[in-house]
């Protein structure tokens, strides 16, 4: 069964992009796994439309792939962190120069209330809000651009953003890695049971991940 996501009206949609990540990362060559994950993580904030890009999902699944020995988990962690920092820096620059124009785009205009709330949070909490925003799907997508729009000093933004990227990137990569590596050891002793457990645990990780995202969307309305 293909995973589903919820649109702004609460309707279930086919998550074709997420399905691609879940289905294809396991079969891609190592170099392409790195490239795809970097592009998705970079694009989340750099393109200002991260709430429709499965960057966090890709990181978790890539961590599982790393547990199978197909990619190096240290390199993966480093690439995720760097991609997150660079993508957010591009998002900041875009927001600083084109912020008001971007806020008028149809895809963002209908979220104006949430964006205004995020801007208020930036004015009150500054770098702390940037750091916390990294762990919320919607804020992770728009926070860099909003920080640029609000004219936050780039150095303050960069420090908070880098700290958030390090904690987020490493923790979510290792979440997938340890889930996968633990079950790989079980497979050595009980192949059929281990394979079944692998599916269940990875499924559980992804279900928790999607439920959390669904709750975040619900809170936005």
C-alpha atoms as a PDB file:
ATOM      1  CA  UNK A   1       0.000   0.000   0.000  1.00  0.00           C
ATOM      2  CA  UNK A   2       1.299   3.432  -0.903  1.00  0.00           C
ATOM      3  CA  UNK A   3       1.689   5.935   1.923  1.00  0.00           C
ATOM      4  CA  UNK A   4      -0.725   8.816   2.060  1.00  0.00           C
ATOM      5  CA  UNK A   5      -0.629  12.394   3.200  1.00  0.00           C
ATOM      6  CA  UNK A   6      -3.302  14.919   4.148  1.00  0.00           C
ATOM      7  CA  UNK A   7      -3.962  18.074   2.196  1.00  0.00           C
ATOM      8  CA  UNK A   8      -5.192  21.388   3.589  1.00  0.00           C
ATOM      9  CA  UNK A   9      -8.820  20.222   3.415  1.00  0.00           C
ATOM     10  CA  UNK A  10      -8.117  17.027   5.310  1.00  0.00           C
ATOM     11  CA  UNK A  11      -8.402  14.856   2.196  1.00  0.00           C
ATOM     12  CA  UNK A  12      -6.142  11.855   1.716  1.00  0.00           C
ATOM     13  CA  UNK A  13      -3.700  12.283  -1.148  1.00  0.00           C
ATOM     14  CA  UNK A  14      -1.355   9.807  -2.833  1.00  0.00           C
ATOM     15  CA  UNK A  15       2.133  10.644  -1.620  1.00  0.00           C
ATOM     16  CA  UNK A  16       3.903   9.907  -4.899  1.00  0.00           C
ATOM     17  CA  UNK A  17       7.115  11.690  -3.953  1.00  0.00           C
ATOM     18  CA  UNK A  18       7.288   9.935  -0.596  1.00  0.00           C
ATOM     19  CA  UNK A  19       6.537   6.605  -2.304  1.00  0.00           C
ATOM     20  CA  UNK A  20       9.452   7.194  -4.665  1.00  0.00           C
ATOM     21  CA  UNK A  21      11.805   7.811  -1.759  1.00  0.00           C
ATOM     22  CA  UNK A  22      10.667   4.723   0.132  1.00  0.00           C
ATOM     23  CA  UNK A  23      10.710   2.458  -2.912  1.00  0.00           C
ATOM     24  CA  UNK A  24      13.775   3.673  -4.781  1.00  0.00           C
ATOM     25  CA  UNK A  25      16.392   4.539  -2.183  1.00  0.00           C
ATOM     26  CA  UNK A  26      16.878   0.859  -1.392  1.00  0.00           C
ATOM     27  CA  UNK A  27      17.706   0.030  -5.009  1.00  0.00           C
ATOM     28  CA  UNK A  28      19.804   3.048  -5.990  1.00  0.00           C
ATOM     29  CA  UNK A  29      23.624   2.940  -6.202  1.00  0.00           C
ATOM     30  CA  UNK A  30      25.356   4.481  -3.189  1.00  0.00           C
ATOM     31  CA  UNK A  31      26.366   7.659  -5.054  1.00  0.00           C
ATOM     32  CA  UNK A  32      22.777   8.306  -6.118  1.00  0.00           C
ATOM     33  CA  UNK A  33      21.509   7.714  -2.580  1.00  0.00           C
ATOM     34  CA  UNK A  34      23.833  10.478  -1.387  1.00  0.00           C
ATOM     35  CA  UNK A  35      22.817  12.783  -4.246  1.00  0.00           C
ATOM     36  CA  UNK A  36      19.065  12.286  -3.800  1.00  0.00           C
ATOM     37  CA  UNK A  37      19.168  12.810  -0.027  1.00  0.00           C
ATOM     38  CA  UNK A  38      21.339  15.921  -0.374  1.00  0.00           C
ATOM     39  CA  UNK A  39      19.016  17.405  -3.006  1.00  0.00           C
ATOM     40  CA  UNK A  40      15.885  16.759  -0.937  1.00  0.00           C
ATOM     41  CA  UNK A  41      17.389  18.147   2.280  1.00  0.00           C
ATOM     42  CA  UNK A  42      18.885  21.142   0.462  1.00  0.00           C
ATOM     43  CA  UNK A  43      15.644  21.841  -1.382  1.00  0.00           C
ATOM     44  CA  UNK A  44      13.446  21.856   1.726  1.00  0.00           C
ATOM     45  CA  UNK A  45      14.324  25.440   2.658  1.00  0.00           C
ATOM     46  CA  UNK A  46      16.279  26.647  -0.372  1.00  0.00           C
ATOM     47  CA  UNK A  47      13.152  26.303  -2.528  1.00  0.00           C
ATOM     48  CA  UNK A  48      10.831  27.634   0.197  1.00  0.00           C
ATOM     49  CA  UNK A  49       8.465  24.698  -0.451  1.00  0.00           C
ATOM     50  CA  UNK A  50       9.875  22.102   1.929  1.00  0.00           C
ATOM     51  CA  UNK A  51       6.439  21.145   3.262  1.00  0.00           C
ATOM     52  CA  UNK A  52       5.919  19.150   0.032  1.00  0.00           C
ATOM     53  CA  UNK A  53       9.453  17.706  -0.144  1.00  0.00           C
ATOM     54  CA  UNK A  54      10.154  14.579   1.941  1.00  0.00           C
ATOM     55  CA  UNK A  55      13.616  15.615   3.151  1.00  0.00           C
ATOM     56  CA  UNK A  56      13.200  14.227   6.658  1.00  0.00           C
ATOM     57  CA  UNK A  57      11.710  10.978   5.328  1.00  0.00           C
ATOM     58  CA  UNK A  58      14.621  10.601   2.923  1.00  0.00           C
ATOM     59  CA  UNK A  59      17.095  11.041   5.785  1.00  0.00           C
ATOM     60  CA  UNK A  60      15.442   8.298   7.856  1.00  0.00           C
ATOM     61  CA  UNK A  61      15.241   5.852   4.944  1.00  0.00           C
ATOM     62  CA  UNK A  62      18.834   6.618   3.951  1.00  0.00           C
ATOM     63  CA  UNK A  63      19.844   5.799   7.526  1.00  0.00           C
ATOM     64  CA  UNK A  64      18.233   2.375   7.098  1.00  0.00           C
ATOM     65  CA  UNK A  65      20.117   1.933   3.817  1.00  0.00           C
ATOM     66  CA  UNK A  66      23.357   2.827   5.644  1.00  0.00           C
ATOM     67  CA  UNK A  67      22.627   0.125   8.236  1.00  0.00           C
ATOM     68  CA  UNK A  68      22.739  -2.395   5.378  1.00  0.00           C
ATOM     69  CA  UNK A  69      26.287  -1.323   4.538  1.00  0.00           C
ATOM     70  CA  UNK A  70      25.360   0.182   1.182  1.00  0.00           C
ATOM     71  CA  UNK A  71      26.318   3.734   2.152  1.00  0.00           C
ATOM     72  CA  UNK A  72      28.621   5.069   4.854  1.00  0.00           C
ATOM     73  CA  UNK A  73      26.654   6.433   7.820  1.00  0.00           C
ATOM     74  CA  UNK A  74      29.360   8.963   8.791  1.00  0.00           C
ATOM     75  CA  UNK A  75      29.479  10.375   5.272  1.00  0.00           C
ATOM     76  CA  UNK A  76      25.687  10.382   5.175  1.00  0.00           C
ATOM     77  CA  UNK A  77      25.441  12.325   8.450  1.00  0.00           C
ATOM     78  CA  UNK A  78      27.995  14.856   7.222  1.00  0.00           C
ATOM     79  CA  UNK A  79      26.239  15.343   3.891  1.00  0.00           C
ATOM     80  CA  UNK A  80      22.827  15.758   5.536  1.00  0.00           C
ATOM     81  CA  UNK A  81      24.159  18.392   7.946  1.00  0.00           C
ATOM     82  CA  UNK A  82      26.006  20.324   5.223  1.00  0.00           C
ATOM     83  CA  UNK A  83      23.012  20.166   2.858  1.00  0.00           C
ATOM     84  CA  UNK A  84      20.719  21.435   5.624  1.00  0.00           C
ATOM     85  CA  UNK A  85      23.015  24.360   6.472  1.00  0.00           C
ATOM     86  CA  UNK A  86      23.597  25.353   2.842  1.00  0.00           C
ATOM     87  CA  UNK A  87      19.950  24.938   1.873  1.00  0.00           C
ATOM     88  CA  UNK A  88      18.829  27.096   4.783  1.00  0.00           C
ATOM     89  CA  UNK A  89      21.446  29.712   3.931  1.00  0.00           C
ATOM     90  CA  UNK A  90      20.106  29.908   0.389  1.00  0.00           C
ATOM     91  CA  UNK A  91      16.573  30.133   1.791  1.00  0.00           C
ATOM     92  CA  UNK A  92      17.709  32.977   4.065  1.00  0.00           C
ATOM     93  CA  UNK A  93      19.255  34.856   1.131  1.00  0.00           C
ATOM     94  CA  UNK A  94      16.127  34.384  -0.997  1.00  0.00           C
ATOM     95  CA  UNK A  95      13.915  35.555   1.857  1.00  0.00           C
ATOM     96  CA  UNK A  96      16.096  38.601   2.517  1.00  0.00           C
ATOM     97  CA  UNK A  97      15.880  39.710  -1.107  1.00  0.00           C
ATOM     98  CA  UNK A  98      12.463  38.497  -2.236  1.00  0.00           C
ATOM     99  CA  UNK A  99      10.629  37.856   1.039  1.00  0.00           C
ATOM    100  CA  UNK A 100       7.546  40.005   0.469  1.00  0.00           C
ATOM    101  CA  UNK A 101       7.134  38.737  -3.083  1.00  0.00           C
ATOM    102  CA  UNK A 102       7.398  35.128  -1.926  1.00  0.00           C
ATOM    103  CA  UNK A 103       4.775  35.663   0.764  1.00  0.00           C
ATOM    104  CA  UNK A 104       2.343  36.701  -1.938  1.00  0.00           C
ATOM    105  CA  UNK A 105       2.756  33.461  -3.888  1.00  0.00           C
ATOM    106  CA  UNK A 106      -0.471  31.376  -3.980  1.00  0.00           C
ATOM    107  CA  UNK A 107       1.173  28.372  -2.306  1.00  0.00           C
ATOM    108  CA  UNK A 108       2.172  30.560   0.666  1.00  0.00           C
ATOM    109  CA  UNK A 109      -0.589  33.145   0.613  1.00  0.00           C
ATOM    110  CA  UNK A 110      -3.123  30.675   2.017  1.00  0.00           C
ATOM    111  CA  UNK A 111      -0.728  30.072   4.926  1.00  0.00           C
ATOM    112  CA  UNK A 112      -0.348  33.766   5.696  1.00  0.00           C
ATOM    113  CA  UNK A 113      -1.624  33.380   9.266  1.00  0.00           C
ATOM    114  CA  UNK A 114       1.008  30.747  10.102  1.00  0.00           C
ATOM    115  CA  UNK A 115       3.711  32.807   8.416  1.00  0.00           C
ATOM    116  CA  UNK A 116       2.804  35.914  10.390  1.00  0.00           C
ATOM    117  CA  UNK A 117       2.858  33.842  13.575  1.00  0.00           C
ATOM    118  CA  UNK A 118       6.315  32.528  12.674  1.00  0.00           C
ATOM    119  CA  UNK A 119       7.561  36.049  11.979  1.00  0.00           C
ATOM    120  CA  UNK A 120       6.298  37.127  15.388  1.00  0.00           C
ATOM    121  CA  UNK A 121       8.118  34.168  16.951  1.00  0.00           C
ATOM    122  CA  UNK A 122      11.312  35.262  15.217  1.00  0.00           C
ATOM    123  CA  UNK A 123      10.965  38.792  16.541  1.00  0.00           C
ATOM    124  CA  UNK A 124      10.440  37.533  20.101  1.00  0.00           C
ATOM    125  CA  UNK A 125      12.852  34.591  20.316  1.00  0.00           C
ATOM    126  CA  UNK A 126      15.266  35.129  17.428  1.00  0.00           C
ATOM    127  CA  UNK A 127      17.913  32.405  17.122  1.00  0.00           C
ATOM    128  CA  UNK A 128      16.126  30.085  19.580  1.00  0.00           C
ATOM    129  CA  UNK A 129      13.091  30.055  17.293  1.00  0.00           C
ATOM    130  CA  UNK A 130      15.327  29.244  14.316  1.00  0.00           C
ATOM    131  CA  UNK A 131      16.778  26.283  16.210  1.00  0.00           C
ATOM    132  CA  UNK A 132      13.379  24.971  17.338  1.00  0.00           C
ATOM    133  CA  UNK A 133      11.918  25.466  13.864  1.00  0.00           C
ATOM    134  CA  UNK A 134      14.311  22.883  12.444  1.00  0.00           C
ATOM    135  CA  UNK A 135      12.286  20.146  14.168  1.00  0.00           C
ATOM    136  CA  UNK A 136       8.871  21.141  12.798  1.00  0.00           C
ATOM    137  CA  UNK A 137       8.040  20.294   9.178  1.00  0.00           C
ATOM    138  CA  UNK A 138       6.369  23.568   8.192  1.00  0.00           C
ATOM    139  CA  UNK A 139       8.783  25.805  10.089  1.00  0.00           C
ATOM    140  CA  UNK A 140      11.795  23.903   8.761  1.00  0.00           C
ATOM    141  CA  UNK A 141      10.617  24.776   5.255  1.00  0.00           C
ATOM    142  CA  UNK A 142       9.905  28.461   5.771  1.00  0.00           C
ATOM    143  CA  UNK A 143      12.006  29.564   8.750  1.00  0.00           C
ATOM    144  CA  UNK A 144      15.187  30.438   6.794  1.00  0.00           C
ATOM    145  CA  UNK A 145      13.240  32.530   4.306  1.00  0.00           C
ATOM    146  CA  UNK A 146      11.318  34.241   7.091  1.00  0.00           C
ATOM    147  CA  UNK A 147      14.547  34.939   8.976  1.00  0.00           C
ATOM    148  CA  UNK A 148      15.858  36.654   5.860  1.00  0.00           C
ATOM    149  CA  UNK A 149      12.598  38.545   5.403  1.00  0.00           C
ATOM    150  CA  UNK A 150      12.743  39.751   9.012  1.00  0.00           C
ATOM    151  CA  UNK A 151      16.318  41.021   8.399  1.00  0.00           C
ATOM    152  CA  UNK A 152      17.769  38.895  11.207  1.00  0.00           C
ATOM    153  CA  UNK A 153      21.542  39.263  11.239  1.00  0.00           C
ATOM    154  CA  UNK A 154      22.984  36.418   9.166  1.00  0.00           C
ATOM    155  CA  UNK A 155      25.630  35.479  11.745  1.00  0.00           C
ATOM    156  CA  UNK A 156      22.990  34.949  14.441  1.00  0.00           C
ATOM    157  CA  UNK A 157      20.878  32.977  12.002  1.00  0.00           C
ATOM    158  CA  UNK A 158      23.817  30.846  10.868  1.00  0.00           C
ATOM    159  CA  UNK A 159      24.850  29.807  14.389  1.00  0.00           C
ATOM    160  CA  UNK A 160      21.313  28.792  15.386  1.00  0.00           C
ATOM    161  CA  UNK A 161      20.680  27.143  12.045  1.00  0.00           C
ATOM    162  CA  UNK A 162      23.939  25.191  12.105  1.00  0.00           C
ATOM    163  CA  UNK A 163      23.269  23.884  15.621  1.00  0.00           C
ATOM    164  CA  UNK A 164      19.782  22.804  14.596  1.00  0.00           C
ATOM    165  CA  UNK A 165      21.082  21.170  11.414  1.00  0.00           C
ATOM    166  CA  UNK A 166      23.718  19.185  13.336  1.00  0.00           C
ATOM    167  CA  UNK A 167      21.264  17.893  15.947  1.00  0.00           C
ATOM    168  CA  UNK A 168      18.485  17.205  13.434  1.00  0.00           C
ATOM    169  CA  UNK A 169      20.676  15.726  10.698  1.00  0.00           C
ATOM    170  CA  UNK A 170      22.602  13.335  12.923  1.00  0.00           C
ATOM    171  CA  UNK A 171      19.646  12.261  15.063  1.00  0.00           C
ATOM    172  CA  UNK A 172      17.313  11.426  12.173  1.00  0.00           C
ATOM    173  CA  UNK A 173      20.046   9.679  10.199  1.00  0.00           C
ATOM    174  CA  UNK A 174      20.922   7.559  13.225  1.00  0.00           C
ATOM    175  CA  UNK A 175      17.247   6.889  13.901  1.00  0.00           C
ATOM    176  CA  UNK A 176      17.043   5.030  10.604  1.00  0.00           C
ATOM    177  CA  UNK A 177      20.523   3.551  10.975  1.00  0.00           C
ATOM    178  CA  UNK A 178      20.047   1.973  14.397  1.00  0.00           C
ATOM    179  CA  UNK A 179      16.568   0.703  13.562  1.00  0.00           C
ATOM    180  CA  UNK A 180      18.011  -1.035  10.512  1.00  0.00           C
ATOM    181  CA  UNK A 181      21.297  -2.254  12.056  1.00  0.00           C
ATOM    182  CA  UNK A 182      19.619  -3.772  15.104  1.00  0.00           C
ATOM    183  CA  UNK A 183      17.330  -5.796  12.903  1.00  0.00           C
ATOM    184  CA  UNK A 184      20.160  -6.847  10.599  1.00  0.00           C
ATOM    185  CA  UNK A 185      21.761  -8.625  13.584  1.00  0.00           C
ATOM    186  CA  UNK A 186      18.484 -10.370  14.359  1.00  0.00           C
ATOM    187  CA  UNK A 187      18.305 -11.637  10.770  1.00  0.00           C
ATOM    188  CA  UNK A 188      21.544 -13.577  11.280  1.00  0.00           C
ATOM    189  CA  UNK A 189      19.794 -15.839  13.781  1.00  0.00           C
ATOM    190  CA  UNK A 190      16.202 -15.935  12.594  1.00  0.00           C
ATOM    191  CA  UNK A 191      15.963 -14.927   8.968  1.00  0.00           C
ATOM    192  CA  UNK A 192      12.207 -15.026   8.510  1.00  0.00           C
ATOM    193  CA  UNK A 193      11.492 -13.534  11.910  1.00  0.00           C
ATOM    194  CA  UNK A 194      14.168 -10.910  11.449  1.00  0.00           C
ATOM    195  CA  UNK A 195      12.833  -9.934   8.031  1.00  0.00           C
ATOM    196  CA  UNK A 196       9.307  -9.611   9.427  1.00  0.00           C
ATOM    197  CA  UNK A 197      10.536  -7.597  12.390  1.00  0.00           C
ATOM    198  CA  UNK A 198      12.547  -5.383  10.059  1.00  0.00           C
ATOM    199  CA  UNK A 199       9.420  -4.495   8.131  1.00  0.00           C
ATOM    200  CA  UNK A 200       7.435  -3.898  11.330  1.00  0.00           C
ATOM    201  CA  UNK A 201      10.016  -1.670  13.001  1.00  0.00           C
ATOM    202  CA  UNK A 202      10.742   0.383   9.905  1.00  0.00           C
ATOM    203  CA  UNK A 203       6.999   0.643   9.358  1.00  0.00           C
ATOM    204  CA  UNK A 204       6.548   1.781  12.959  1.00  0.00           C
ATOM    205  CA  UNK A 205       9.263   4.425  12.587  1.00  0.00           C
ATOM    206  CA  UNK A 206       7.630   5.754   9.430  1.00  0.00           C
ATOM    207  CA  UNK A 207       4.110   5.632  10.905  1.00  0.00           C
ATOM    208  CA  UNK A 208       5.243   7.658  13.931  1.00  0.00           C
ATOM    209  CA  UNK A 209       6.980  10.039  11.560  1.00  0.00           C
ATOM    210  CA  UNK A 210       3.868  10.552   9.390  1.00  0.00           C
ATOM    211  CA  UNK A 211       1.513  10.788  12.385  1.00  0.00           C
ATOM    212  CA  UNK A 212       3.710  13.530  13.829  1.00  0.00           C
ATOM    213  CA  UNK A 213       3.584  15.380  10.514  1.00  0.00           C
ATOM    214  CA  UNK A 214      -0.199  14.972  10.352  1.00  0.00           C
ATOM    215  CA  UNK A 215      -0.548  16.449  13.848  1.00  0.00           C
ATOM    216  CA  UNK A 216       1.685  19.347  12.841  1.00  0.00           C
ATOM    217  CA  UNK A 217      -0.579  20.029   9.851  1.00  0.00           C
ATOM    218  CA  UNK A 218      -3.643  19.834  12.089  1.00  0.00           C
ATOM    219  CA  UNK A 219      -2.135  22.407  14.475  1.00  0.00           C
ATOM    220  CA  UNK A 220      -1.512  24.745  11.557  1.00  0.00           C
ATOM    221  CA  UNK A 221      -5.253  25.070  10.897  1.00  0.00           C
END
